[in-house]
Protein backbone atom coordinates (compact mmCIF):
# COMPACT_ATOMS: atom_id res chain seq x y z
CA MET A 1 -13.81 -45.43 -24.69
CA LYS A 2 -13.40 -47.28 -28.01
CA LYS A 3 -15.40 -44.52 -29.67
CA LEU A 4 -13.10 -41.88 -28.26
CA ILE A 5 -9.99 -43.69 -29.47
CA THR A 6 -11.55 -44.24 -32.89
CA LEU A 7 -12.54 -40.57 -33.10
CA ALA A 8 -9.02 -39.51 -32.09
CA LEU A 9 -7.46 -41.79 -34.72
CA VAL A 10 -9.79 -40.50 -37.42
CA SER A 11 -8.95 -36.92 -36.46
CA LEU A 12 -5.22 -37.62 -36.53
CA SER A 13 -5.54 -39.36 -39.87
CA THR A 14 -7.44 -36.40 -41.31
CA ILE A 15 -4.82 -33.97 -40.05
CA SER A 16 -2.03 -36.14 -41.46
CA LEU A 17 -3.71 -36.44 -44.86
CA THR A 18 -4.39 -32.70 -44.98
CA ALA A 19 -0.76 -31.94 -44.16
CA CYS A 20 0.36 -34.21 -46.98
CA VAL A 21 -2.06 -32.67 -49.51
CA ILE A 22 -1.39 -28.98 -48.70
CA LYS A 23 1.56 -27.82 -50.70
CA PRO A 24 4.12 -26.00 -48.56
CA VAL A 25 5.13 -22.52 -49.72
CA SER A 26 8.64 -22.75 -51.01
CA LYS A 27 11.06 -19.89 -51.42
CA ASN A 28 10.56 -20.09 -55.20
CA ASP A 29 6.81 -19.63 -54.85
CA SER A 30 7.35 -16.66 -52.55
CA SER A 31 9.80 -14.95 -54.87
CA SER A 32 7.55 -15.69 -57.85
CA SER A 33 4.68 -13.98 -56.05
CA GLU A 34 6.94 -11.05 -55.15
CA ALA A 35 8.14 -10.83 -58.75
CA LYS A 36 4.53 -10.66 -59.96
CA MET A 37 3.80 -7.89 -57.47
CA GLU A 38 6.96 -6.03 -58.52
CA GLN A 39 6.00 -6.48 -62.17
CA THR A 40 2.57 -5.01 -61.46
CA GLY A 41 4.15 -2.07 -59.60
CA TYR A 42 6.54 -1.51 -62.49
CA LYS A 43 3.71 -1.60 -65.04
CA ASN A 44 1.67 0.85 -62.97
CA ALA A 45 4.69 3.13 -62.60
CA LEU A 46 5.25 2.96 -66.35
CA GLU A 47 1.63 3.87 -67.10
CA GLN A 48 1.70 6.73 -64.60
CA ALA A 49 5.00 8.03 -66.03
CA LYS A 50 3.53 8.12 -69.54
CA TYR A 51 0.41 9.86 -68.23
CA TYR A 52 2.42 12.51 -66.38
CA LEU A 53 4.54 13.20 -69.44
CA GLU A 54 1.42 13.86 -71.52
CA ILE A 55 0.25 16.49 -69.05
CA PHE A 56 3.42 17.87 -67.45
CA PRO A 57 6.56 18.32 -69.52
CA SER A 58 9.16 17.02 -67.10
CA SER A 59 12.81 16.19 -66.84
CA LYS A 60 13.86 12.62 -66.21
CA GLU A 61 14.79 13.45 -62.61
CA GLY A 62 11.68 15.55 -62.09
CA LEU A 63 9.47 12.71 -63.31
CA LYS A 64 11.27 10.24 -61.08
CA LYS A 65 10.82 12.51 -58.06
CA LYS A 66 7.13 13.06 -58.81
CA LEU A 67 6.44 9.32 -59.15
CA ILE A 68 8.27 8.41 -55.97
CA GLU A 69 6.80 11.21 -53.86
CA SER A 70 3.20 11.27 -55.04
CA GLU A 71 2.57 7.61 -55.79
CA GLU A 72 3.09 4.30 -54.09
CA PHE A 73 5.96 3.09 -56.23
CA SER A 74 9.33 1.89 -55.07
CA LYS A 75 12.49 3.53 -56.35
CA ASP A 76 13.29 0.35 -58.29
CA GLU A 77 9.87 0.30 -59.98
CA VAL A 78 10.17 3.96 -60.90
CA GLN A 79 13.72 3.55 -62.19
CA ALA A 80 12.67 0.58 -64.33
CA ALA A 81 9.77 2.57 -65.76
CA ILE A 82 12.00 5.58 -66.50
CA ASP A 83 14.60 3.33 -68.13
CA GLU A 84 11.86 1.81 -70.31
CA ILE A 85 10.68 5.16 -71.72
CA ALA A 86 13.92 7.15 -71.58
CA ASP A 87 14.78 6.63 -75.24
CA GLU A 88 11.23 7.43 -76.37
CA VAL A 89 11.06 10.82 -74.65
CA ASP A 90 12.54 13.98 -76.11
CA TRP A 91 13.78 15.52 -72.87
CA LYS A 92 15.03 18.65 -74.67
CA ALA A 93 11.57 19.24 -76.14
CA ASN A 94 10.13 18.82 -72.64
CA ALA A 95 12.55 21.47 -71.39
CA VAL A 96 11.38 23.86 -74.13
CA LYS A 97 7.71 23.23 -73.24
CA LYS A 98 8.42 23.81 -69.55
CA ALA A 99 10.29 27.03 -70.40
CA GLU A 100 7.34 28.28 -72.47
CA THR A 101 5.00 27.60 -69.57
CA TYR A 102 7.15 29.58 -67.15
CA LEU A 103 7.70 32.52 -69.48
CA LYS A 104 3.96 33.08 -69.77
CA THR A 105 3.66 33.88 -66.08
CA VAL A 106 6.97 34.28 -64.27
CA HIS A 107 9.05 36.42 -66.67
CA PHE A 108 12.62 35.18 -66.47
CA SER A 109 15.85 36.40 -67.99
CA LYS A 110 17.81 33.80 -69.97
CA TYR A 111 20.10 33.18 -67.01
CA LYS A 112 17.27 32.84 -64.48
CA LEU A 113 15.37 30.51 -66.80
CA LEU A 114 18.44 28.32 -67.31
CA SER A 115 19.03 28.26 -63.56
CA HIS A 116 15.41 27.39 -62.80
CA LEU A 117 15.19 24.62 -65.39
CA SER A 118 18.41 22.95 -64.29
CA GLY A 119 18.01 23.59 -60.57
CA TYR A 120 14.36 23.37 -59.64
CA GLU A 121 13.05 21.33 -62.57
CA LYS A 122 16.11 19.04 -62.65
CA PHE A 123 16.72 19.15 -66.39
CA THR A 124 20.31 18.46 -67.32
CA GLN A 125 22.46 21.49 -68.07
CA GLU A 126 22.40 20.50 -71.75
CA GLU A 127 18.59 20.21 -71.84
CA ALA A 128 18.12 23.52 -70.01
CA ALA A 129 20.56 25.33 -72.30
CA TYR A 130 18.78 23.88 -75.32
CA ALA A 131 15.46 25.17 -73.98
CA VAL A 132 16.79 28.68 -73.41
CA GLU A 133 18.17 28.82 -76.94
CA HIS A 134 15.06 27.34 -78.60
CA VAL A 135 12.18 28.80 -76.63
CA LYS A 136 10.24 31.44 -78.49
CA ALA A 137 10.77 34.41 -76.21
CA ASP A 138 11.14 38.13 -76.53
CA TRP A 139 13.63 38.83 -73.74
CA ASN A 140 12.91 42.55 -73.91
CA LEU A 141 9.26 41.83 -73.17
CA GLN A 142 10.26 39.46 -70.37
CA ALA A 143 12.27 42.30 -68.82
CA LEU A 144 9.38 44.71 -69.30
CA GLU A 145 6.89 42.39 -67.61
CA LYS A 146 9.30 41.80 -64.72
CA ALA A 147 9.73 45.58 -64.40
CA ARG A 148 5.95 46.01 -64.30
CA ASP A 149 5.79 43.38 -61.55
CA PHE A 150 8.38 45.35 -59.57
CA ARG A 151 6.44 48.57 -60.01
CA LYS A 152 3.09 46.96 -59.18
CA TYR A 153 4.29 45.22 -56.04
CA GLY A 154 6.89 47.63 -54.78
CA ASN A 155 6.40 51.20 -56.02
CA ARG A 156 10.05 51.51 -57.02
CA SER A 157 11.66 54.22 -59.10
CA PRO A 158 12.77 53.41 -62.65
CA GLU A 159 16.41 53.49 -61.49
CA GLU A 160 15.71 50.97 -58.71
CA ILE A 161 13.80 48.75 -61.12
CA LYS A 162 16.62 48.81 -63.66
CA LYS A 163 19.16 47.95 -60.96
CA ARG A 164 17.06 44.98 -59.83
CA LEU A 165 16.57 43.80 -63.40
CA VAL A 166 20.30 43.74 -64.07
CA GLU A 167 21.80 42.82 -60.69
CA PHE A 168 19.23 40.38 -59.33
CA GLU A 169 17.25 39.11 -62.30
CA TYR A 170 20.24 38.99 -64.68
CA PHE A 171 18.65 40.72 -67.63
CA THR A 172 21.13 42.38 -69.96
CA GLU A 173 21.66 46.12 -69.81
CA GLN A 174 19.91 46.42 -73.18
CA GLU A 175 16.86 44.43 -71.97
CA ALA A 176 16.66 46.49 -68.78
CA ASN A 177 16.87 49.74 -70.77
CA TYR A 178 14.06 48.55 -73.03
CA ALA A 179 11.94 47.74 -69.99
CA ILE A 180 12.48 51.15 -68.40
CA GLU A 181 11.82 52.98 -71.69
CA HIS A 182 8.49 51.16 -72.15
CA LEU A 183 7.44 50.87 -68.51
CA ASP A 184 4.75 53.56 -68.68
CA GLN A 185 3.32 52.54 -72.05
């Protein structure tokens, strides 16, 4: 019986000493740990933002959306990363690069390009307008390529194609006339 009491006392003493030695987690330690995790998330978001901008010319809002949707970053981490690089990025130049990319394959009128850059790509109206004015584009050729697309995928008459170019694609009358005149060349 003495052995059992001695063993119980030793066990209780060990537990008591262990409880005194183990440092309890305070709120400060918890928030410090959370801050480190947030800092890591922010740094990763910042690195990913810079990487995306090298590959994909994006608007500020487009970049933010891409980071939030395709990565595991919080909105706060993404916003902090965007704020960090915002002054370093030439968003107007990004709009011009994005416009050049589209014009190689989609064939927009000025109006449609402006609408697409500001609507879908989320560039500001100012950035999109800058891109439309500074992109190297031959709008007559854009109209011609769009007309060829209409002919290829819809066997339309020249009159129907011209109507679509002006009324739905917002090419000027002059650009549409150029397209129709050169459609069979």
